[in-house]
PDB file of N, CA and C in Angstrom:
ATOM      1  N   MET A   1     -41.934  62.307  11.377  1.00  0.00           N
ATOM      2  CA  MET A   1     -42.061  63.069  12.185  1.00  0.00           C
ATOM      3  C   MET A   1     -41.813  64.570  11.698  1.00  0.00           C
ATOM      4  N   GLU A   2     -42.818  65.452  12.280  1.00  0.00           N
ATOM      5  CA  GLU A   2     -42.709  66.824  11.986  1.00  0.00           C
ATOM      6  C   GLU A   2     -42.098  67.379  13.124  1.00  0.00           C
ATOM      7  N   LEU A   3     -41.234  68.487  13.000  1.00  0.00           N
ATOM      8  CA  LEU A   3     -40.709  69.269  13.924  1.00  0.00           C
ATOM      9  C   LEU A   3     -40.523  70.789  13.496  1.00  0.00           C
ATOM     10  N   PHE A   4     -41.108  71.560  14.401  1.00  0.00           N
ATOM     11  CA  PHE A   4     -40.806  73.186  14.107  1.00  0.00           C
ATOM     12  C   PHE A   4     -40.366  73.812  15.398  1.00  0.00           C
ATOM     13  N   ILE A   5     -39.946  74.874  15.277  1.00  0.00           N
ATOM     14  CA  ILE A   5     -39.449  75.830  16.404  1.00  0.00           C
ATOM     15  C   ILE A   5     -40.308  77.087  15.881  1.00  0.00           C
ATOM     16  N   PRO A   6     -41.266  77.382  16.308  1.00  0.00           N
ATOM     17  CA  PRO A   6     -42.025  78.495  15.935  1.00  0.00           C
ATOM     18  C   PRO A   6     -41.630  79.703  16.489  1.00  0.00           C
ATOM     19  N   SER A   7     -41.291  79.694  17.642  1.00  0.00           N
ATOM     20  CA  SER A   7     -40.998  80.869  18.595  1.00  0.00           C
ATOM     21  C   SER A   7     -39.713  80.807  19.554  1.00  0.00           C
ATOM     22  N   SER A   8     -39.505  81.880  20.138  1.00  0.00           N
ATOM     23  CA  SER A   8     -38.599  81.943  21.245  1.00  0.00           C
ATOM     24  C   SER A   8     -38.627  82.921  22.289  1.00  0.00           C
ATOM     25  N   ARG A   9     -38.199  82.753  23.394  1.00  0.00           N
ATOM     26  CA  ARG A   9     -38.654  83.903  24.337  1.00  0.00           C
ATOM     27  C   ARG A   9     -37.503  83.868  25.361  1.00  0.00           C
ATOM     28  N   GLN A  10     -37.310  85.301  26.102  1.00  0.00           N
ATOM     29  CA  GLN A  10     -36.176  85.391  26.769  1.00  0.00           C
ATOM     30  C   GLN A  10     -36.621  85.329  28.497  1.00  0.00           C
ATOM     31  N   ILE A  11     -35.727  84.746  29.213  1.00  0.00           N
ATOM     32  CA  ILE A  11     -36.036  84.406  30.442  1.00  0.00           C
ATOM     33  C   ILE A  11     -35.126  85.220  31.242  1.00  0.00           C
ATOM     34  N   ARG A  12     -35.416  85.791  32.468  1.00  0.00           N
ATOM     35  CA  ARG A  12     -34.593  86.557  33.071  1.00  0.00           C
ATOM     36  C   ARG A  12     -34.528  85.857  34.665  1.00  0.00           C
ATOM     37  N   GLU A  13     -33.625  85.264  35.263  1.00  0.00           N
ATOM     38  CA  GLU A  13     -33.736  84.805  36.476  1.00  0.00           C
ATOM     39  C   GLU A  13     -32.173  85.353  37.297  1.00  0.00           C
ATOM     40  N   GLY A  14     -32.393  85.751  38.558  1.00  0.00           N
ATOM     41  CA  GLY A  14     -31.438  86.170  39.291  1.00  0.00           C
ATOM     42  C   GLY A  14     -30.289  86.763  38.556  1.00  0.00           C
ATOM     43  N   GLY A  15     -30.647  88.087  38.000  1.00  0.00           N
ATOM     44  CA  GLY A  15     -29.860  88.827  37.285  1.00  0.00           C
ATOM     45  C   GLY A  15     -29.125  88.316  35.862  1.00  0.00           C
ATOM     46  N   LYS A  16     -29.568  87.024  35.573  1.00  0.00           N
ATOM     47  CA  LYS A  16     -28.909  86.565  34.352  1.00  0.00           C
ATOM     48  C   LYS A  16     -30.259  86.516  33.405  1.00  0.00           C
ATOM     49  N   SER A  17     -30.002  86.396  32.316  1.00  0.00           N
ATOM     50  CA  SER A  17     -31.149  86.153  31.205  1.00  0.00           C
ATOM     51  C   SER A  17     -30.418  85.086  30.134  1.00  0.00           C
ATOM     52  N   TYR A  18     -31.384  84.192  29.678  1.00  0.00           N
ATOM     53  CA  TYR A  18     -31.175  83.322  28.187  1.00  0.00           C
ATOM     54  C   TYR A  18     -32.355  83.444  27.535  1.00  0.00           C
ATOM     55  N   PHE A  19     -32.389  82.702  26.615  1.00  0.00           N
ATOM     56  CA  PHE A  19     -33.466  82.429  25.705  1.00  0.00           C
ATOM     57  C   PHE A  19     -33.803  80.958  25.743  1.00  0.00           C
ATOM     58  N   VAL A  20     -35.183  80.780  25.437  1.00  0.00           N
ATOM     59  CA  VAL A  20     -35.583  79.175  25.391  1.00  0.00           C
ATOM     60  C   VAL A  20     -36.392  79.268  23.952  1.00  0.00           C
ATOM     61  N   TYR A  21     -36.286  78.180  23.210  1.00  0.00           N
ATOM     62  CA  TYR A  21     -37.126  77.733  22.132  1.00  0.00           C
ATOM     63  C   TYR A  21     -37.967  76.812  22.029  1.00  0.00           C
ATOM     64  N   THR A  22     -39.318  77.591  21.671  1.00  0.00           N
ATOM     65  CA  THR A  22     -40.437  76.583  21.783  1.00  0.00           C
ATOM     66  C   THR A  22     -40.428  75.378  20.457  1.00  0.00           C
ATOM     67  N   VAL A  23     -40.411  74.004  21.006  1.00  0.00           N
ATOM     68  CA  VAL A  23     -40.310  72.873  20.103  1.00  0.00           C
ATOM     69  C   VAL A  23     -41.567  72.295  19.978  1.00  0.00           C
ATOM     70  N   GLU A  24     -42.081  72.228  18.885  1.00  0.00           N
ATOM     71  CA  GLU A  24     -43.441  71.565  18.389  1.00  0.00           C
ATOM     72  C   GLU A  24     -43.125  70.275  17.570  1.00  0.00           C
ATOM     73  N   VAL A  25     -43.333  69.031  18.205  1.00  0.00           N
ATOM     74  CA  VAL A  25     -43.300  67.871  17.592  1.00  0.00           C
ATOM     75  C   VAL A  25     -44.361  66.921  17.401  1.00  0.00           C
ATOM     76  N   ARG A  26     -44.433  66.449  16.015  1.00  0.00           N
ATOM     77  CA  ARG A  26     -45.949  65.636  15.798  1.00  0.00           C
ATOM     78  C   ARG A  26     -45.512  64.199  15.164  1.00  0.00           C
ATOM     79  N   PHE A  27     -45.989  63.284  15.648  1.00  0.00           N
ATOM     80  CA  PHE A  27     -45.817  61.820  14.892  1.00  0.00           C
ATOM     81  C   PHE A  27     -47.000  61.084  15.280  1.00  0.00           C
ATOM     82  N   ALA A  28     -47.551  60.418  14.362  1.00  0.00           N
ATOM     83  CA  ALA A  28     -48.337  59.392  14.417  1.00  0.00           C
ATOM     84  C   ALA A  28     -49.470  59.707  15.198  1.00  0.00           C
ATOM     85  N   GLY A  29     -50.179  60.899  15.291  1.00  0.00           N
ATOM     86  CA  GLY A  29     -51.125  61.367  16.053  1.00  0.00           C
ATOM     87  C   GLY A  29     -50.832  61.890  17.401  1.00  0.00           C
ATOM     88  N   TRP A  30     -49.504  61.739  17.777  1.00  0.00           N
ATOM     89  CA  TRP A  30     -49.058  62.121  18.963  1.00  0.00           C
ATOM     90  C   TRP A  30     -48.343  63.694  18.691  1.00  0.00           C
ATOM     91  N   LYS A  31     -48.468  64.454  19.702  1.00  0.00           N
ATOM     92  CA  LYS A  31     -47.839  65.834  19.772  1.00  0.00           C
ATOM     93  C   LYS A  31     -47.484  66.386  20.972  1.00  0.00           C
ATOM     94  N   ASN A  32     -46.547  67.051  20.873  1.00  0.00           N
ATOM     95  CA  ASN A  32     -46.044  67.800  21.776  1.00  0.00           C
ATOM     96  C   ASN A  32     -45.381  69.014  21.914  1.00  0.00           C
ATOM     97  N   THR A  33     -45.295  70.010  22.846  1.00  0.00           N
ATOM     98  CA  THR A  33     -44.740  71.186  22.650  1.00  0.00           C
ATOM     99  C   THR A  33     -43.932  71.202  23.959  1.00  0.00           C
ATOM    100  N   LEU A  34     -42.601  71.603  23.890  1.00  0.00           N
ATOM    101  CA  LEU A  34     -41.669  71.777  24.917  1.00  0.00           C
ATOM    102  C   LEU A  34     -40.723  72.850  24.661  1.00  0.00           C
ATOM    103  N   GLU A  35     -39.996  73.491  25.619  1.00  0.00           N
ATOM    104  CA  GLU A  35     -38.959  74.464  25.549  1.00  0.00           C
ATOM    105  C   GLU A  35     -37.538  74.135  25.688  1.00  0.00           C
ATOM    106  N   LYS A  36     -36.512  74.555  25.012  1.00  0.00           N
ATOM    107  CA  LYS A  36     -35.324  73.952  24.910  1.00  0.00           C
ATOM    108  C   LYS A  36     -34.368  74.883  24.805  1.00  0.00           C
ATOM    109  N   ARG A  37     -33.243  75.092  25.783  1.00  0.00           N
ATOM    110  CA  ARG A  37     -32.136  76.236  25.607  1.00  0.00           C
ATOM    111  C   ARG A  37     -31.186  75.944  24.569  1.00  0.00           C
ATOM    112  N   TYR A  38     -30.567  76.881  24.175  1.00  0.00           N
ATOM    113  CA  TYR A  38     -29.531  76.649  23.060  1.00  0.00           C
ATOM    114  C   TYR A  38     -28.474  75.522  23.595  1.00  0.00           C
ATOM    115  N   SER A  39     -28.201  75.712  24.762  1.00  0.00           N
ATOM    116  CA  SER A  39     -27.233  74.680  25.451  1.00  0.00           C
ATOM    117  C   SER A  39     -27.449  73.211  25.336  1.00  0.00           C
ATOM    118  N   GLU A  40     -29.043  72.923  25.282  1.00  0.00           N
ATOM    119  CA  GLU A  40     -29.649  71.609  25.239  1.00  0.00           C
ATOM    120  C   GLU A  40     -29.455  71.189  23.931  1.00  0.00           C
ATOM    121  N   PHE A  41     -29.525  71.868  22.992  1.00  0.00           N
ATOM    122  CA  PHE A  41     -29.508  71.701  21.530  1.00  0.00           C
ATOM    123  C   PHE A  41     -28.190  71.289  21.212  1.00  0.00           C
ATOM    124  N   LEU A  42     -27.111  72.013  21.979  1.00  0.00           N
ATOM    125  CA  LEU A  42     -25.671  72.000  21.743  1.00  0.00           C
ATOM    126  C   LEU A  42     -25.184  70.378  22.331  1.00  0.00           C
ATOM    127  N   GLU A  43     -25.654  69.946  23.540  1.00  0.00           N
ATOM    128  CA  GLU A  43     -25.454  68.895  24.006  1.00  0.00           C
ATOM    129  C   GLU A  43     -26.163  67.583  22.980  1.00  0.00           C
ATOM    130  N   LEU A  44     -27.127  67.907  22.588  1.00  0.00           N
ATOM    131  CA  LEU A  44     -27.821  66.855  21.414  1.00  0.00           C
ATOM    132  C   LEU A  44     -27.071  66.905  20.177  1.00  0.00           C
ATOM    133  N   HIS A  45     -26.392  67.835  19.962  1.00  0.00           N
ATOM    134  CA  HIS A  45     -25.387  67.917  18.600  1.00  0.00           C
ATOM    135  C   HIS A  45     -24.223  66.891  19.161  1.00  0.00           C
ATOM    136  N   ARG A  46     -23.734  67.059  20.353  1.00  0.00           N
ATOM    137  CA  ARG A  46     -22.564  66.512  20.939  1.00  0.00           C
ATOM    138  C   ARG A  46     -22.626  65.186  21.042  1.00  0.00           C
ATOM    139  N   VAL A  47     -23.875  64.914  21.349  1.00  0.00           N
ATOM    140  CA  VAL A  47     -24.145  63.277  21.370  1.00  0.00           C
ATOM    141  C   VAL A  47     -24.162  62.721  19.997  1.00  0.00           C
ATOM    142  N   MET A  48     -24.839  63.269  19.286  1.00  0.00           N
ATOM    143  CA  MET A  48     -25.104  63.155  17.883  1.00  0.00           C
ATOM    144  C   MET A  48     -23.542  62.817  16.953  1.00  0.00           C
ATOM    145  N   LYS A  49     -22.666  63.774  17.390  1.00  0.00           N
ATOM    146  CA  LYS A  49     -21.350  63.682  16.801  1.00  0.00           C
ATOM    147  C   LYS A  49     -20.589  62.344  17.407  1.00  0.00           C
ATOM    148  N   LEU A  50     -20.944  61.811  18.611  1.00  0.00           N
ATOM    149  CA  LEU A  50     -20.266  60.569  19.030  1.00  0.00           C
ATOM    150  C   LEU A  50     -20.910  59.423  18.202  1.00  0.00           C
ATOM    151  N   LEU A  51     -22.481  59.420  17.879  1.00  0.00           N
ATOM    152  CA  LEU A  51     -22.768  58.499  16.909  1.00  0.00           C
ATOM    153  C   LEU A  51     -22.458  58.527  15.841  1.00  0.00           C
ATOM    154  N   ARG A  52     -22.261  59.705  15.553  1.00  0.00           N
ATOM    155  CA  ARG A  52     -21.781  59.928  13.687  1.00  0.00           C
ATOM    156  C   ARG A  52     -20.576  59.180  13.851  1.00  0.00           C
ATOM    157  N   ARG A  53     -19.464  59.192  14.416  1.00  0.00           N
ATOM    158  CA  ARG A  53     -18.398  58.500  14.507  1.00  0.00           C
ATOM    159  C   ARG A  53     -18.667  56.783  14.283  1.00  0.00           C
ATOM    160  N   ALA A  54     -19.236  56.461  15.255  1.00  0.00           N
ATOM    161  CA  ALA A  54     -19.644  54.911  15.378  1.00  0.00           C
ATOM    162  C   ALA A  54     -20.100  54.469  14.017  1.00  0.00           C
ATOM    163  N   LEU A  55     -21.238  55.451  13.647  1.00  0.00           N
ATOM    164  CA  LEU A  55     -22.033  54.798  12.462  1.00  0.00           C
ATOM    165  C   LEU A  55     -21.581  55.260  11.143  1.00  0.00           C
ATOM    166  N   HIS A  56     -20.396  56.095  11.086  1.00  0.00           N
ATOM    167  CA  HIS A  56     -19.835  56.864  10.079  1.00  0.00           C
ATOM    168  C   HIS A  56     -20.987  57.515   8.974  1.00  0.00           C
ATOM    169  N   SER A  57     -21.810  58.372   9.931  1.00  0.00           N
ATOM    170  CA  SER A  57     -22.987  58.776   9.283  1.00  0.00           C
ATOM    171  C   SER A  57     -22.797  60.402   9.133  1.00  0.00           C
ATOM    172  N   PRO A  58     -23.382  60.730   8.164  1.00  0.00           N
ATOM    173  CA  PRO A  58     -23.307  62.571   7.998  1.00  0.00           C
ATOM    174  C   PRO A  58     -24.400  63.032   8.953  1.00  0.00           C
ATOM    175  N   LEU A  59     -23.843  63.958   9.519  1.00  0.00           N
ATOM    176  CA  LEU A  59     -24.737  65.156  10.286  1.00  0.00           C
ATOM    177  C   LEU A  59     -24.929  66.554   9.797  1.00  0.00           C
ATOM    178  N   PRO A  60     -26.277  66.920   9.847  1.00  0.00           N
ATOM    179  CA  PRO A  60     -26.535  68.329   9.420  1.00  0.00           C
ATOM    180  C   PRO A  60     -25.874  69.583  10.047  1.00  0.00           C
ATOM    181  N   HIS A  61     -25.390  70.638   9.443  1.00  0.00           N
ATOM    182  CA  HIS A  61     -24.420  71.521  10.314  1.00  0.00           C
ATOM    183  C   HIS A  61     -25.198  72.224  11.401  1.00  0.00           C
ATOM    184  N   PHE A  62     -24.459  72.335  12.311  1.00  0.00           N
ATOM    185  CA  PHE A  62     -25.182  73.085  13.754  1.00  0.00           C
ATOM    186  C   PHE A  62     -24.755  74.379  13.847  1.00  0.00           C
ATOM    187  N   PRO A  63     -25.759  74.951  14.110  1.00  0.00           N
ATOM    188  CA  PRO A  63     -25.558  76.746  14.030  1.00  0.00           C
ATOM    189  C   PRO A  63     -24.456  77.045  15.326  1.00  0.00           C
ATOM    190  N   GLY A  64     -23.654  77.902  15.067  1.00  0.00           N
ATOM    191  CA  GLY A  64     -22.669  78.256  15.847  1.00  0.00           C
ATOM    192  C   GLY A  64     -23.246  79.208  17.106  1.00  0.00           C
ATOM    193  N   GLN A  65     -22.395  79.469  18.066  1.00  0.00           N
ATOM    194  CA  GLN A  65     -22.860  79.913  19.390  1.00  0.00           C
ATOM    195  C   GLN A  65     -22.960  81.399  19.615  1.00  0.00           C
ATOM    196  N   GLN A  66     -22.015  82.270  18.493  1.00  0.00           N
ATOM    197  CA  GLN A  66     -21.969  83.649  18.442  1.00  0.00           C
ATOM    198  C   GLN A  66     -21.489  84.104  19.720  1.00  0.00           C
ATOM    199  N   ILE A  67     -20.406  83.568  20.566  1.00  0.00           N
ATOM    200  CA  ILE A  67     -20.012  83.927  21.618  1.00  0.00           C
ATOM    201  C   ILE A  67     -19.642  85.278  21.794  1.00  0.00           C
ATOM    202  N   TRP A  68     -18.943  85.781  20.606  1.00  0.00           N
ATOM    203  CA  TRP A  68     -18.466  87.355  20.610  1.00  0.00           C
ATOM    204  C   TRP A  68     -19.547  88.179  20.587  1.00  0.00           C
ATOM    205  N   LYS A  69     -20.882  87.911  20.184  1.00  0.00           N
ATOM    206  CA  LYS A  69     -22.076  88.891  20.440  1.00  0.00           C
ATOM    207  C   LYS A  69     -22.354  88.540  21.917  1.00  0.00           C
ATOM    208  N   GLN A  70     -22.498  87.729  22.368  1.00  0.00           N
ATOM    209  CA  GLN A  70     -22.899  87.437  23.664  1.00  0.00           C
ATOM    210  C   GLN A  70     -22.193  88.341  24.723  1.00  0.00           C
ATOM    211  N   MET A  71     -20.830  88.229  24.598  1.00  0.00           N
ATOM    212  CA  MET A  71     -19.770  88.928  25.394  1.00  0.00           C
ATOM    213  C   MET A  71     -19.920  90.529  25.173  1.00  0.00           C
ATOM    214  N   THR A  72     -20.368  90.854  24.123  1.00  0.00           N
ATOM    215  CA  THR A  72     -20.557  92.253  23.705  1.00  0.00           C
ATOM    216  C   THR A  72     -21.929  92.972  23.718  1.00  0.00           C
ATOM    217  N   GLY A  73     -22.673  92.195  24.469  1.00  0.00           N
ATOM    218  CA  GLY A  73     -24.008  93.160  24.728  1.00  0.00           C
ATOM    219  C   GLY A  73     -25.101  91.933  24.601  1.00  0.00           C
ATOM    220  N   GLY A  74     -24.988  90.878  24.020  1.00  0.00           N
ATOM    221  CA  GLY A  74     -26.146  89.863  23.924  1.00  0.00           C
ATOM    222  C   GLY A  74     -26.336  90.049  22.613  1.00  0.00           C
ATOM    223  N   LEU A  75     -27.524  88.836  22.460  1.00  0.00           N
ATOM    224  CA  LEU A  75     -27.853  88.693  21.055  1.00  0.00           C
ATOM    225  C   LEU A  75     -29.120  89.698  20.805  1.00  0.00           C
ATOM    226  N   ASN A  76     -29.228  90.182  19.676  1.00  0.00           N
ATOM    227  CA  ASN A  76     -30.661  90.959  19.403  1.00  0.00           C
ATOM    228  C   ASN A  76     -31.645  90.198  19.055  1.00  0.00           C
ATOM    229  N   ASP A  77     -32.528  91.171  18.323  1.00  0.00           N
ATOM    230  CA  ASP A  77     -33.884  90.214  18.312  1.00  0.00           C
ATOM    231  C   ASP A  77     -33.348  89.436  16.505  1.00  0.00           C
ATOM    232  N   GLU A  78     -32.843  89.989  15.735  1.00  0.00           N
ATOM    233  CA  GLU A  78     -32.254  89.299  14.419  1.00  0.00           C
ATOM    234  C   GLU A  78     -31.581  88.145  14.574  1.00  0.00           C
ATOM    235  N   ASP A  79     -30.641  88.341  15.491  1.00  0.00           N
ATOM    236  CA  ASP A  79     -29.502  87.067  16.105  1.00  0.00           C
ATOM    237  C   ASP A  79     -30.694  86.132  16.673  1.00  0.00           C
ATOM    238  N   VAL A  80     -31.444  86.380  17.265  1.00  0.00           N
ATOM    239  CA  VAL A  80     -32.183  85.272  18.199  1.00  0.00           C
ATOM    240  C   VAL A  80     -33.034  84.687  17.125  1.00  0.00           C
ATOM    241  N   GLU A  81     -33.792  85.290  16.173  1.00  0.00           N
ATOM    242  CA  GLU A  81     -34.529  84.954  14.932  1.00  0.00           C
ATOM    243  C   GLU A  81     -33.636  83.819  13.935  1.00  0.00           C
ATOM    244  N   GLU A  82     -32.648  84.383  13.817  1.00  0.00           N
ATOM    245  CA  GLU A  82     -31.527  83.500  12.898  1.00  0.00           C
ATOM    246  C   GLU A  82     -31.165  82.512  13.478  1.00  0.00           C
ATOM    247  N   ARG A  83     -31.173  82.443  14.859  1.00  0.00           N
ATOM    248  CA  ARG A  83     -30.691  81.183  15.452  1.00  0.00           C
ATOM    249  C   ARG A  83     -31.920  80.458  15.599  1.00  0.00           C
ATOM    250  N   ARG A  84     -33.121  80.872  15.809  1.00  0.00           N
ATOM    251  CA  ARG A  84     -34.317  79.781  15.725  1.00  0.00           C
ATOM    252  C   ARG A  84     -34.331  79.323  14.565  1.00  0.00           C
ATOM    253  N   ASN A  85     -34.377  79.971  13.295  1.00  0.00           N
ATOM    254  CA  ASN A  85     -34.416  79.296  12.206  1.00  0.00           C
ATOM    255  C   ASN A  85     -33.444  78.216  11.768  1.00  0.00           C
ATOM    256  N   GLU A  86     -32.166  78.304  12.300  1.00  0.00           N
ATOM    257  CA  GLU A  86     -30.930  77.511  11.983  1.00  0.00           C
ATOM    258  C   GLU A  86     -31.159  76.233  12.890  1.00  0.00           C
ATOM    259  N   LEU A  87     -31.491  76.391  14.036  1.00  0.00           N
ATOM    260  CA  LEU A  87     -32.068  75.448  14.931  1.00  0.00           C
ATOM    261  C   LEU A  87     -33.027  74.497  14.505  1.00  0.00           C
ATOM    262  N   GLN A  88     -34.194  75.095  13.882  1.00  0.00           N
ATOM    263  CA  GLN A  88     -35.101  74.520  13.114  1.00  0.00           C
ATOM    264  C   GLN A  88     -34.634  73.696  11.850  1.00  0.00           C
ATOM    265  N   ASN A  89     -33.967  74.177  11.193  1.00  0.00           N
ATOM    266  CA  ASN A  89     -33.309  73.470  10.083  1.00  0.00           C
ATOM    267  C   ASN A  89     -32.518  72.658  10.275  1.00  0.00           C
ATOM    268  N   TYR A  90     -31.730  72.523  11.614  1.00  0.00           N
ATOM    269  CA  TYR A  90     -30.755  71.676  11.967  1.00  0.00           C
ATOM    270  C   TYR A  90     -31.769  70.371  12.635  1.00  0.00           C
ATOM    271  N   MET A  91     -32.597  70.642  13.314  1.00  0.00           N
ATOM    272  CA  MET A  91     -33.469  69.649  13.895  1.00  0.00           C
ATOM    273  C   MET A  91     -34.329  68.973  12.922  1.00  0.00           C
ATOM    274  N   GLN A  92     -34.889  69.573  11.801  1.00  0.00           N
ATOM    275  CA  GLN A  92     -35.587  68.857  10.711  1.00  0.00           C
ATOM    276  C   GLN A  92     -34.620  68.030   9.871  1.00  0.00           C
ATOM    277  N   ALA A  93     -33.664  68.300   9.778  1.00  0.00           N
ATOM    278  CA  ALA A  93     -32.686  67.446   8.961  1.00  0.00           C
ATOM    279  C   ALA A  93     -32.275  66.353   9.638  1.00  0.00           C
ATOM    280  N   LEU A  94     -32.281  66.548  11.054  1.00  0.00           N
ATOM    281  CA  LEU A  94     -31.703  65.452  12.170  1.00  0.00           C
ATOM    282  C   LEU A  94     -32.632  64.454  12.361  1.00  0.00           C
ATOM    283  N   ILE A  95     -34.009  64.861  12.145  1.00  0.00           N
ATOM    284  CA  ILE A  95     -34.947  63.745  12.742  1.00  0.00           C
ATOM    285  C   ILE A  95     -35.217  62.524  11.707  1.00  0.00           C
ATOM    286  N   ASN A  96     -34.489  62.851  10.225  1.00  0.00           N
ATOM    287  CA  ASN A  96     -34.300  61.633   9.428  1.00  0.00           C
ATOM    288  C   ASN A  96     -32.957  60.939   9.201  1.00  0.00           C
ATOM    289  N   SER A  97     -31.981  61.431  10.156  1.00  0.00           N
ATOM    290  CA  SER A  97     -30.729  61.085  10.012  1.00  0.00           C
ATOM    291  C   SER A  97     -30.505  59.760  10.774  1.00  0.00           C
ATOM    292  N   GLU A  98     -29.535  58.825  10.331  1.00  0.00           N
ATOM    293  CA  GLU A  98     -29.293  57.669  10.956  1.00  0.00           C
ATOM    294  C   GLU A  98     -28.759  57.575  12.522  1.00  0.00           C
ATOM    295  N   CYS A  99     -28.173  58.662  12.467  1.00  0.00           N
ATOM    296  CA  CYS A  99     -27.593  59.133  14.056  1.00  0.00           C
ATOM    297  C   CYS A  99     -29.043  59.410  15.206  1.00  0.00           C
ATOM    298  N   ALA A 100     -29.670  60.042  14.442  1.00  0.00           N
ATOM    299  CA  ALA A 100     -30.990  60.100  15.519  1.00  0.00           C
ATOM    300  C   ALA A 100     -31.545  59.061  15.658  1.00  0.00           C
ATOM    301  N   LYS A 101     -32.066  58.367  14.636  1.00  0.00           N
ATOM    302  CA  LYS A 101     -32.791  56.952  14.574  1.00  0.00           C
ATOM    303  C   LYS A 101     -32.302  55.906  15.402  1.00  0.00           C
ATOM    304  N   ASN A 102     -30.967  55.942  15.463  1.00  0.00           N
ATOM    305  CA  ASN A 102     -30.190  54.841  16.403  1.00  0.00           C
ATOM    306  C   ASN A 102     -29.839  55.171  17.527  1.00  0.00           C
ATOM    307  N   SER A 103     -30.432  56.519  18.085  1.00  0.00           N
ATOM    308  CA  SER A 103     -29.957  56.765  19.500  1.00  0.00           C
ATOM    309  C   SER A 103     -31.196  56.724  20.425  1.00  0.00           C
ATOM    310  N   THR A 104     -30.873  56.472  21.517  1.00  0.00           N
ATOM    311  CA  THR A 104     -31.964  56.706  22.434  1.00  0.00           C
ATOM    312  C   THR A 104     -32.147  58.204  22.909  1.00  0.00           C
ATOM    313  N   TYR A 105     -31.094  58.866  22.939  1.00  0.00           N
ATOM    314  CA  TYR A 105     -31.100  60.201  23.104  1.00  0.00           C
ATOM    315  C   TYR A 105     -31.879  61.196  22.523  1.00  0.00           C
ATOM    316  N   PHE A 106     -31.962  61.002  21.227  1.00  0.00           N
ATOM    317  CA  PHE A 106     -32.764  61.800  20.417  1.00  0.00           C
ATOM    318  C   PHE A 106     -34.306  61.899  21.017  1.00  0.00           C
ATOM    319  N   PRO A 107     -34.984  60.648  20.826  1.00  0.00           N
ATOM    320  CA  PRO A 107     -36.285  60.436  21.119  1.00  0.00           C
ATOM    321  C   PRO A 107     -36.803  61.010  22.553  1.00  0.00           C
ATOM    322  N   GLU A 108     -35.733  60.754  23.456  1.00  0.00           N
ATOM    323  CA  GLU A 108     -35.821  61.505  24.863  1.00  0.00           C
ATOM    324  C   GLU A 108     -35.766  63.097  24.746  1.00  0.00           C
ATOM    325  N   PHE A 109     -35.096  63.458  24.038  1.00  0.00           N
ATOM    326  CA  PHE A 109     -34.872  65.090  23.863  1.00  0.00           C
ATOM    327  C   PHE A 109     -36.222  65.689  23.438  1.00  0.00           C
ATOM    328  N   VAL A 110     -37.046  64.847  22.698  1.00  0.00           N
ATOM    329  CA  VAL A 110     -38.264  65.588  22.131  1.00  0.00           C
ATOM    330  C   VAL A 110     -39.590  64.727  22.965  1.00  0.00           C
ATOM    331  N   ASN A 111     -39.068  63.985  23.977  1.00  0.00           N
ATOM    332  CA  ASN A 111     -40.035  63.321  24.848  1.00  0.00           C
ATOM    333  C   ASN A 111     -41.131  62.463  24.163  1.00  0.00           C
ATOM    334  N   LEU A 112     -40.416  61.896  23.099  1.00  0.00           N
ATOM    335  CA  LEU A 112     -41.420  60.795  22.417  1.00  0.00           C
ATOM    336  C   LEU A 112     -41.638  59.693  23.187  1.00  0.00           C
ATOM    337  N   PRO A 113     -43.017  59.408  23.256  1.00  0.00           N
ATOM    338  CA  PRO A 113     -43.456  58.123  24.010  1.00  0.00           C
ATOM    339  C   PRO A 113     -42.775  56.675  23.599  1.00  0.00           C
ATOM    340  N   GLU A 114     -42.331  56.061  24.884  1.00  0.00           N
ATOM    341  CA  GLU A 114     -41.930  54.670  24.472  1.00  0.00           C
ATOM    342  C   GLU A 114     -42.546  54.100  23.436  1.00  0.00           C
ATOM    343  N   ASN A 115     -43.871  53.873  23.557  1.00  0.00           N
ATOM    344  CA  ASN A 115     -44.720  52.869  22.481  1.00  0.00           C
ATOM    345  C   ASN A 115     -44.676  53.370  21.091  1.00  0.00           C
ATOM    346  N   ILE A 116     -44.080  54.550  20.668  1.00  0.00           N
ATOM    347  CA  ILE A 116     -44.146  54.934  19.380  1.00  0.00           C
ATOM    348  C   ILE A 116     -42.566  55.138  18.991  1.00  0.00           C
ATOM    349  N   ARG A 117     -41.558  54.860  19.689  1.00  0.00           N
ATOM    350  CA  ARG A 117     -40.324  55.132  19.443  1.00  0.00           C
ATOM    351  C   ARG A 117     -39.917  54.123  18.149  1.00  0.00           C
ATOM    352  N   GLU A 118     -40.350  52.809  18.166  1.00  0.00           N
ATOM    353  CA  GLU A 118     -39.792  51.997  17.434  1.00  0.00           C
ATOM    354  C   GLU A 118     -40.678  52.071  15.988  1.00  0.00           C
ATOM    355  N   LEU A 119     -41.733  52.694  15.959  1.00  0.00           N
ATOM    356  CA  LEU A 119     -42.620  52.982  14.727  1.00  0.00           C
ATOM    357  C   LEU A 119     -41.806  54.253  14.052  1.00  0.00           C
ATOM    358  N   TRP A 120     -41.097  55.144  14.980  1.00  0.00           N
ATOM    359  CA  TRP A 120     -40.566  56.392  14.249  1.00  0.00           C
ATOM    360  C   TRP A 120     -39.239  55.816  13.719  1.00  0.00           C
ATOM    361  N   ARG A 121     -38.608  54.854  14.516  1.00  0.00           N
ATOM    362  CA  ARG A 121     -37.323  54.705  14.060  1.00  0.00           C
ATOM    363  C   ARG A 121     -37.343  53.682  12.651  1.00  0.00           C
ATOM    364  N   THR A 122     -38.463  53.167  12.393  1.00  0.00           N
ATOM    365  CA  THR A 122     -38.486  52.449  11.241  1.00  0.00           C
ATOM    366  C   THR A 122     -39.479  53.099   9.985  1.00  0.00           C
ATOM    367  N   SER A 123     -39.848  54.269  10.415  1.00  0.00           N
ATOM    368  CA  SER A 123     -40.487  55.068   9.184  1.00  0.00           C
ATOM    369  C   SER A 123     -39.400  55.563   8.308  1.00  0.00           C
TER     370      SER A 123
END
């Protein structure tokens, strides 16, 4: 599986704003592009941490939240780009981990079709 996060964009809704990250996924002739918020990546990581405990398997480092920057005026362009790059590195390491391959959550996260999930798990 190949996974890239080539870009991000800011969304403003009801006086609030947040960033979404474009995720491109390819595997065995299938490809998909989706958008995820940082909070969705964080939830994925929390699920992977639970599996890590059960499987005694390592996980890649997850990028921090930078809460102090968000509270003092928000993330600037450099912060967002750094986070995008770190999320891409995390996801690229995660796709080959025992935790991801033994979960149902990870393939759902990237919308991997049911008919190729077993092929990915055994690749």
